[in-house]
Amino acid sequence: NKIKPKALKEGDTLGLIAPASPIYEESVFNEMLENLTDLGFKLKLGNHVRNRNGYLAGTDEERVEDLMNMFKDPEVDGIMCIRGGWGCNRILTDIDYDVIRSNPKVFCGFSDITSLHMAFYEKSDLYTFHGPVGKSVWNSFTTDAFKNVIWNGEKVEYTIPDNSEDRLIITPGTAEGMLLGGNLSVLVSMIGSEYLPAFEGAILFLEDIGESVYRIDRMLTQLKLAGILDKLSGFVFGKCTECSAGKNSLTLEQVFDDHIKPLGIPAFYGAMISHEDDNVTIPFGISGTIDAANQIIRINDSAVV
């Protein structure tokens, strides 16, 4: 049985960790602390959250230590990653998944944090939250989505704002399944490991940044060759930010036509799952429904208690 963490509320203590890359600018770090305090949280910083080790926020040992300490700490109500970057895959073998299962808490982040969502769902049976990181832009869109899901436990419905031109219906129809996914590059880098959940009947949601179209093609091909695409009941790609096609390229639409359309499952592109300012919060592994013709994602169950 999967475990729902306790809902967060105003005055709760949010533990901040950097399991992947650091925030390099002091001003960005301080602005993050201000934003999260303004949301109503007390903050507890991981011992190593400001550490730097090249593109990593400290050594693997230090990053694991902060992660585990936040789950063990009875004062900490929820855990937020300050940013993504790279490095979570490196620590998957060093995490004590039993401790996490015994101390379920809201755990939130996106991008490189995808690997922790996958591993916690598979190894600790915990519902986590593919949502903002500490240094996200906490505008009303992102804040409302976060609070509706993590504070209020709502079964939300996400549509694409009318002013968003970047959207595409790949295959119309509705599908229901577990919402699994995150960053495409991180996901494919985990194929073949024991940390990926089973994708049978799942709705796969993806996003990426800074990947040219041929790389998206390559990674979707890898998902196909690994047998993952064939298992899905639905497919949603959020935004591919700064994913230029360039000269002599297929378009992103052609790549979806080649890999996703033949699956015959409801699928669309353009959801507010991205590296951009407006970001939704999706409970990882919870039951969801998509309506591809209307480009809607529905969360079917509250993910917190």
Protein backbone atom coordinates (compact mmCIF):
# COMPACT_ATOMS: atom_id res chain seq x y z
CA ASN A 1 0.00 0.00 0.00
CA LYS A 2 1.20 3.47 -0.85
CA ILE A 3 1.53 6.05 1.91
CA LYS A 4 0.03 9.54 1.93
CA PRO A 5 1.99 12.12 3.93
CA LYS A 6 0.39 14.60 6.31
CA ALA A 7 -0.90 17.80 4.67
CA LEU A 8 1.14 20.93 5.29
CA LYS A 9 -0.34 24.04 6.87
CA GLU A 10 0.67 27.53 7.82
CA GLY A 11 3.28 27.57 10.58
CA ASP A 12 4.68 24.14 9.65
CA THR A 13 8.42 23.63 9.43
CA LEU A 14 9.79 23.07 5.96
CA GLY A 15 13.18 21.37 5.70
CA LEU A 16 15.36 22.66 2.86
CA ILE A 17 17.91 20.40 1.20
CA ALA A 18 20.06 20.39 -1.93
CA PRO A 19 20.26 16.73 -3.03
CA ALA A 20 21.56 17.69 -6.49
CA SER A 21 23.16 21.04 -7.41
CA PRO A 22 23.68 24.15 -5.26
CA ILE A 23 22.26 27.65 -5.59
CA TYR A 24 25.36 29.63 -6.52
CA GLU A 25 24.12 33.21 -5.96
CA GLU A 26 23.65 34.33 -2.38
CA SER A 27 20.92 36.77 -3.48
CA VAL A 28 18.89 33.95 -5.06
CA PHE A 29 19.29 31.85 -1.91
CA ASN A 30 18.10 34.71 0.30
CA GLU A 31 15.17 35.51 -1.97
CA MET A 32 14.12 31.85 -1.73
CA LEU A 33 14.15 32.02 2.10
CA GLU A 34 12.01 35.16 1.95
CA ASN A 35 9.50 33.62 -0.48
CA LEU A 36 9.07 30.44 1.55
CA THR A 37 8.70 32.41 4.79
CA ASP A 38 6.05 34.54 3.06
CA LEU A 39 4.17 31.33 2.21
CA GLY A 40 3.78 30.78 5.94
CA PHE A 41 6.51 28.25 6.66
CA LYS A 42 9.14 28.11 9.36
CA LEU A 43 12.37 26.99 7.70
CA LYS A 44 15.01 24.52 8.78
CA LEU A 45 18.12 24.38 6.61
CA GLY A 46 20.04 21.19 6.01
CA ASN A 47 23.57 21.30 7.45
CA HIS A 48 25.04 21.09 3.95
CA VAL A 49 22.40 22.98 1.96
CA ARG A 50 24.89 25.76 1.09
CA ASN A 51 27.77 23.42 0.28
CA ARG A 52 29.41 23.35 -3.14
CA ASN A 53 31.40 20.66 -4.84
CA GLY A 54 31.65 21.63 -8.51
CA TYR A 55 28.16 21.18 -9.96
CA LEU A 56 27.10 19.25 -6.85
CA ALA A 57 25.84 20.69 -3.56
CA GLY A 58 28.53 18.97 -1.50
CA THR A 59 29.74 15.38 -1.55
CA ASP A 60 27.36 12.47 -2.10
CA GLU A 61 27.69 11.65 1.62
CA GLU A 62 26.76 15.18 2.68
CA ARG A 63 23.73 15.34 0.41
CA VAL A 64 22.43 11.96 1.60
CA GLU A 65 23.01 12.97 5.21
CA ASP A 66 20.86 16.10 4.82
CA LEU A 67 18.11 14.12 3.07
CA MET A 68 17.99 11.41 5.74
CA ASN A 69 18.22 13.89 8.62
CA MET A 70 15.16 15.77 7.38
CA PHE A 71 13.09 12.58 7.25
CA LYS A 72 14.29 11.57 10.75
CA ASP A 73 13.80 15.02 12.32
CA PRO A 74 10.46 15.12 14.21
CA GLU A 75 10.44 18.94 14.01
CA VAL A 76 10.33 18.88 10.20
CA ASP A 77 6.84 18.62 8.68
CA GLY A 78 7.74 18.67 4.99
CA ILE A 79 10.84 18.67 2.81
CA MET A 80 11.59 20.84 -0.20
CA CYS A 81 14.56 20.62 -2.54
CA ILE A 82 16.03 24.06 -3.19
CA ARG A 83 16.78 23.25 -6.86
CA GLY A 84 17.47 20.43 -9.31
CA GLY A 85 20.56 20.36 -11.51
CA TRP A 86 22.31 17.01 -11.34
CA GLY A 87 23.31 14.54 -8.65
CA CYS A 88 20.28 12.67 -7.26
CA ASN A 89 20.97 9.48 -9.21
CA ARG A 90 24.40 9.33 -7.59
CA ILE A 91 22.91 8.93 -4.10
CA LEU A 92 20.09 6.43 -4.77
CA THR A 93 22.14 3.47 -3.52
CA ASP A 94 22.97 5.25 -0.22
CA ILE A 95 19.45 6.16 0.89
CA ASP A 96 17.72 4.23 3.71
CA TYR A 97 14.30 3.69 2.16
CA ASP A 98 12.91 2.03 5.30
CA VAL A 99 13.53 5.22 7.30
CA ILE A 100 11.59 7.20 4.69
CA ARG A 101 8.73 4.70 4.75
CA SER A 102 8.57 4.96 8.55
CA ASN A 103 8.65 8.78 8.53
CA PRO A 104 6.39 9.83 5.65
CA LYS A 105 6.47 13.56 4.89
CA VAL A 106 5.60 15.85 2.03
CA PHE A 107 8.58 15.83 -0.32
CA CYS A 108 8.58 18.31 -3.21
CA GLY A 109 10.76 19.25 -6.18
CA PHE A 110 11.20 18.70 -9.90
CA SER A 111 13.84 18.33 -12.64
CA ASP A 112 16.70 16.23 -11.24
CA ILE A 113 14.49 15.47 -8.21
CA THR A 114 12.59 13.14 -10.58
CA SER A 115 14.92 10.30 -9.59
CA LEU A 116 14.03 10.68 -5.90
CA HIS A 117 10.30 10.68 -6.71
CA MET A 118 10.79 7.45 -8.66
CA ALA A 119 12.87 5.81 -5.94
CA PHE A 120 10.67 6.88 -3.00
CA TYR A 121 7.56 5.61 -4.79
CA GLU A 122 9.20 2.31 -5.72
CA LYS A 123 11.25 1.64 -2.56
CA SER A 124 9.45 3.54 0.22
CA ASP A 125 5.84 3.41 -1.08
CA LEU A 126 5.52 7.17 -0.50
CA TYR A 127 3.46 9.59 -2.56
CA THR A 128 5.69 12.60 -3.26
CA PHE A 129 5.07 15.83 -5.17
CA HIS A 130 6.44 16.81 -8.55
CA GLY A 131 6.18 20.53 -7.95
CA PRO A 132 8.18 23.68 -7.30
CA VAL A 133 11.67 23.81 -5.84
CA GLY A 134 12.68 26.41 -3.28
CA LYS A 135 14.09 28.79 -5.85
CA SER A 136 11.04 28.55 -8.13
CA VAL A 137 9.15 31.71 -9.02
CA TRP A 138 6.38 31.68 -6.41
CA ASN A 139 3.79 33.52 -8.47
CA SER A 140 0.06 33.08 -7.84
CA PHE A 141 -0.26 30.27 -10.42
CA THR A 142 2.49 28.10 -8.93
CA THR A 143 1.57 28.93 -5.32
CA ASP A 144 -2.13 28.15 -5.80
CA ALA A 145 -1.38 24.78 -7.41
CA PHE A 146 1.04 23.91 -4.60
CA LYS A 147 -1.36 24.87 -1.81
CA ASN A 148 -4.42 23.27 -3.41
CA VAL A 149 -2.68 19.89 -3.56
CA ILE A 150 -0.32 19.91 -0.55
CA TRP A 151 -2.23 22.07 1.97
CA ASN A 152 -5.85 21.46 1.03
CA GLY A 153 -5.57 17.94 -0.41
CA GLU A 154 -7.81 18.90 -3.31
CA LYS A 155 -8.55 16.73 -6.30
CA VAL A 156 -7.51 19.44 -8.72
CA GLU A 157 -8.06 19.82 -12.44
CA TYR A 158 -5.27 21.40 -14.45
CA THR A 159 -5.99 23.10 -17.75
CA ILE A 160 -3.67 25.05 -20.03
CA PRO A 161 -4.18 28.83 -19.72
CA ASP A 162 -5.80 30.38 -22.79
CA ASN A 163 -2.79 32.59 -23.46
CA SER A 164 -0.47 29.59 -23.87
CA GLU A 165 0.16 29.03 -27.57
CA ASP A 166 2.60 26.19 -27.08
CA ARG A 167 0.21 23.22 -27.15
CA LEU A 168 -0.67 20.26 -29.31
CA ILE A 169 -3.21 17.43 -29.26
CA ILE A 170 -1.27 14.31 -30.29
CA THR A 171 -4.14 11.82 -29.90
CA PRO A 172 -7.56 12.78 -28.47
CA GLY A 173 -9.34 10.66 -25.87
CA THR A 174 -9.42 10.12 -22.11
CA ALA A 175 -7.24 7.83 -20.02
CA GLU A 176 -6.94 6.95 -16.37
CA GLY A 177 -3.85 5.68 -14.57
CA MET A 178 -1.11 6.40 -12.06
CA LEU A 179 0.63 9.69 -12.79
CA LEU A 180 4.31 8.82 -13.15
CA GLY A 181 7.08 10.82 -14.75
CA GLY A 182 9.07 14.01 -14.51
CA ASN A 183 12.20 15.06 -16.33
CA LEU A 184 12.77 12.98 -19.47
CA SER A 185 16.58 13.06 -19.34
CA VAL A 186 16.60 11.93 -15.71
CA LEU A 187 14.05 9.20 -16.38
CA VAL A 188 16.01 7.62 -19.22
CA SER A 189 19.20 7.76 -17.16
CA MET A 190 17.49 5.41 -14.66
CA ILE A 191 16.39 2.76 -17.16
CA GLY A 192 17.79 -0.62 -16.17
CA SER A 193 18.05 0.30 -12.50
CA GLU A 194 15.93 -1.08 -9.67
CA TYR A 195 14.59 2.38 -8.81
CA LEU A 196 12.02 2.74 -11.58
CA PRO A 197 8.42 1.80 -10.82
CA ALA A 198 6.39 -0.42 -13.13
CA PHE A 199 4.66 1.67 -15.80
CA GLU A 200 1.78 -0.71 -16.59
CA GLY A 201 -1.33 1.37 -17.25
CA ALA A 202 0.37 4.59 -16.11
CA ILE A 203 -0.05 8.07 -17.49
CA LEU A 204 3.48 9.24 -18.25
CA PHE A 205 4.07 12.99 -17.78
CA LEU A 206 7.32 14.52 -18.99
CA GLU A 207 9.16 17.82 -19.31
CA ASP A 208 12.65 18.90 -20.28
CA ILE A 209 14.88 21.88 -20.87
CA GLY A 210 17.76 22.68 -23.18
CA GLU A 211 17.53 19.47 -25.22
CA SER A 212 17.54 19.74 -29.01
CA VAL A 213 14.80 17.83 -30.80
CA TYR A 214 17.08 14.97 -31.89
CA ARG A 215 17.86 14.31 -28.23
CA ILE A 216 14.15 14.19 -27.36
CA ASP A 217 13.81 11.75 -30.29
CA ARG A 218 16.68 9.68 -28.92
CA MET A 219 15.27 9.58 -25.41
CA LEU A 220 11.74 8.68 -26.52
CA THR A 221 13.32 5.94 -28.64
CA GLN A 222 15.08 4.69 -25.52
CA LEU A 223 11.76 4.59 -23.64
CA LYS A 224 10.30 2.68 -26.56
CA LEU A 225 13.17 0.17 -26.75
CA ALA A 226 12.95 -0.35 -22.98
CA GLY A 227 9.29 -1.34 -23.42
CA ILE A 228 7.99 1.55 -21.32
CA LEU A 229 5.95 3.37 -23.98
CA ASP A 230 3.96 0.24 -24.84
CA LYS A 231 2.74 -0.09 -21.24
CA LEU A 232 1.19 3.38 -20.93
CA SER A 233 -2.48 4.31 -20.83
CA GLY A 234 -1.82 8.01 -21.50
CA PHE A 235 0.96 10.48 -22.29
CA VAL A 236 1.44 14.15 -21.42
CA PHE A 237 4.43 16.28 -22.31
CA GLY A 238 4.57 19.57 -20.46
CA LYS A 239 6.94 22.11 -21.95
CA CYS A 240 10.21 21.47 -23.69
CA THR A 241 11.89 24.75 -22.77
CA GLU A 242 14.72 25.94 -25.03
CA CYS A 243 14.45 22.75 -27.08
CA SER A 244 15.24 24.29 -30.44
CA ALA A 245 14.81 22.28 -33.61
CA GLY A 246 17.63 24.07 -35.43
CA LYS A 247 18.49 23.59 -39.08
CA ASN A 248 17.86 20.21 -40.74
CA SER A 249 15.77 19.00 -37.81
CA LEU A 250 12.51 17.18 -37.43
CA THR A 251 10.01 19.22 -35.47
CA LEU A 252 8.94 18.16 -31.99
CA GLU A 253 5.52 17.45 -33.47
CA GLN A 254 7.01 15.02 -36.00
CA VAL A 255 8.86 13.22 -33.23
CA PHE A 256 5.61 12.82 -31.26
CA ASP A 257 3.91 11.59 -34.45
CA ASP A 258 6.63 8.96 -34.86
CA HIS A 259 6.80 7.68 -31.27
CA ILE A 260 3.56 8.55 -29.47
CA LYS A 261 0.80 8.56 -32.09
CA PRO A 262 1.31 4.86 -33.02
CA LEU A 263 0.64 3.92 -29.37
CA GLY A 264 -3.01 4.89 -29.92
CA ILE A 265 -3.31 6.32 -26.41
CA PRO A 266 -4.64 9.74 -25.38
CA ALA A 267 -1.72 12.16 -25.57
CA PHE A 268 -1.06 15.91 -25.63
CA TYR A 269 1.71 18.47 -25.35
CA GLY A 270 1.80 21.82 -23.56
CA ALA A 271 0.72 21.12 -19.96
CA MET A 272 2.04 23.45 -17.27
CA ILE A 273 4.74 20.99 -16.20
CA SER A 274 7.99 22.69 -16.98
CA HIS A 275 11.09 24.67 -16.14
CA GLU A 276 9.05 27.84 -16.68
CA ASP A 277 7.49 30.24 -14.18
CA ASP A 278 3.98 28.74 -14.11
CA ASN A 279 4.25 25.25 -12.70
CA VAL A 280 1.62 22.81 -11.42
CA THR A 281 2.10 20.35 -8.55
CA ILE A 282 1.41 16.71 -9.40
CA PRO A 283 1.24 14.02 -6.72
CA PHE A 284 3.66 11.40 -8.02
CA GLY A 285 2.00 7.99 -8.40
CA ILE A 286 -1.54 9.09 -7.53
CA SER A 287 -4.46 8.12 -9.76
CA GLY A 288 -5.17 10.68 -12.47
CA THR A 289 -7.23 11.15 -15.60
CA ILE A 290 -6.30 13.03 -18.75
CA ASP A 291 -8.61 14.42 -21.40
CA ALA A 292 -6.28 14.94 -24.35
CA ALA A 293 -8.77 16.73 -26.63
CA ASN A 294 -9.29 19.41 -23.98
CA GLN A 295 -5.72 19.17 -22.64
CA ILE A 296 -6.82 18.56 -19.05
CA ILE A 297 -5.11 16.64 -16.22
CA ARG A 298 -7.30 15.63 -13.28
CA ILE A 299 -6.01 14.40 -9.93
CA ASN A 300 -8.49 11.69 -8.87
CA ASP A 301 -7.54 11.34 -5.22
CA SER A 302 -6.27 13.51 -2.40
CA ALA A 303 -2.54 12.84 -1.92
CA VAL A 304 -2.29 14.00 1.70
CA VAL A 305 -4.03 13.17 4.95
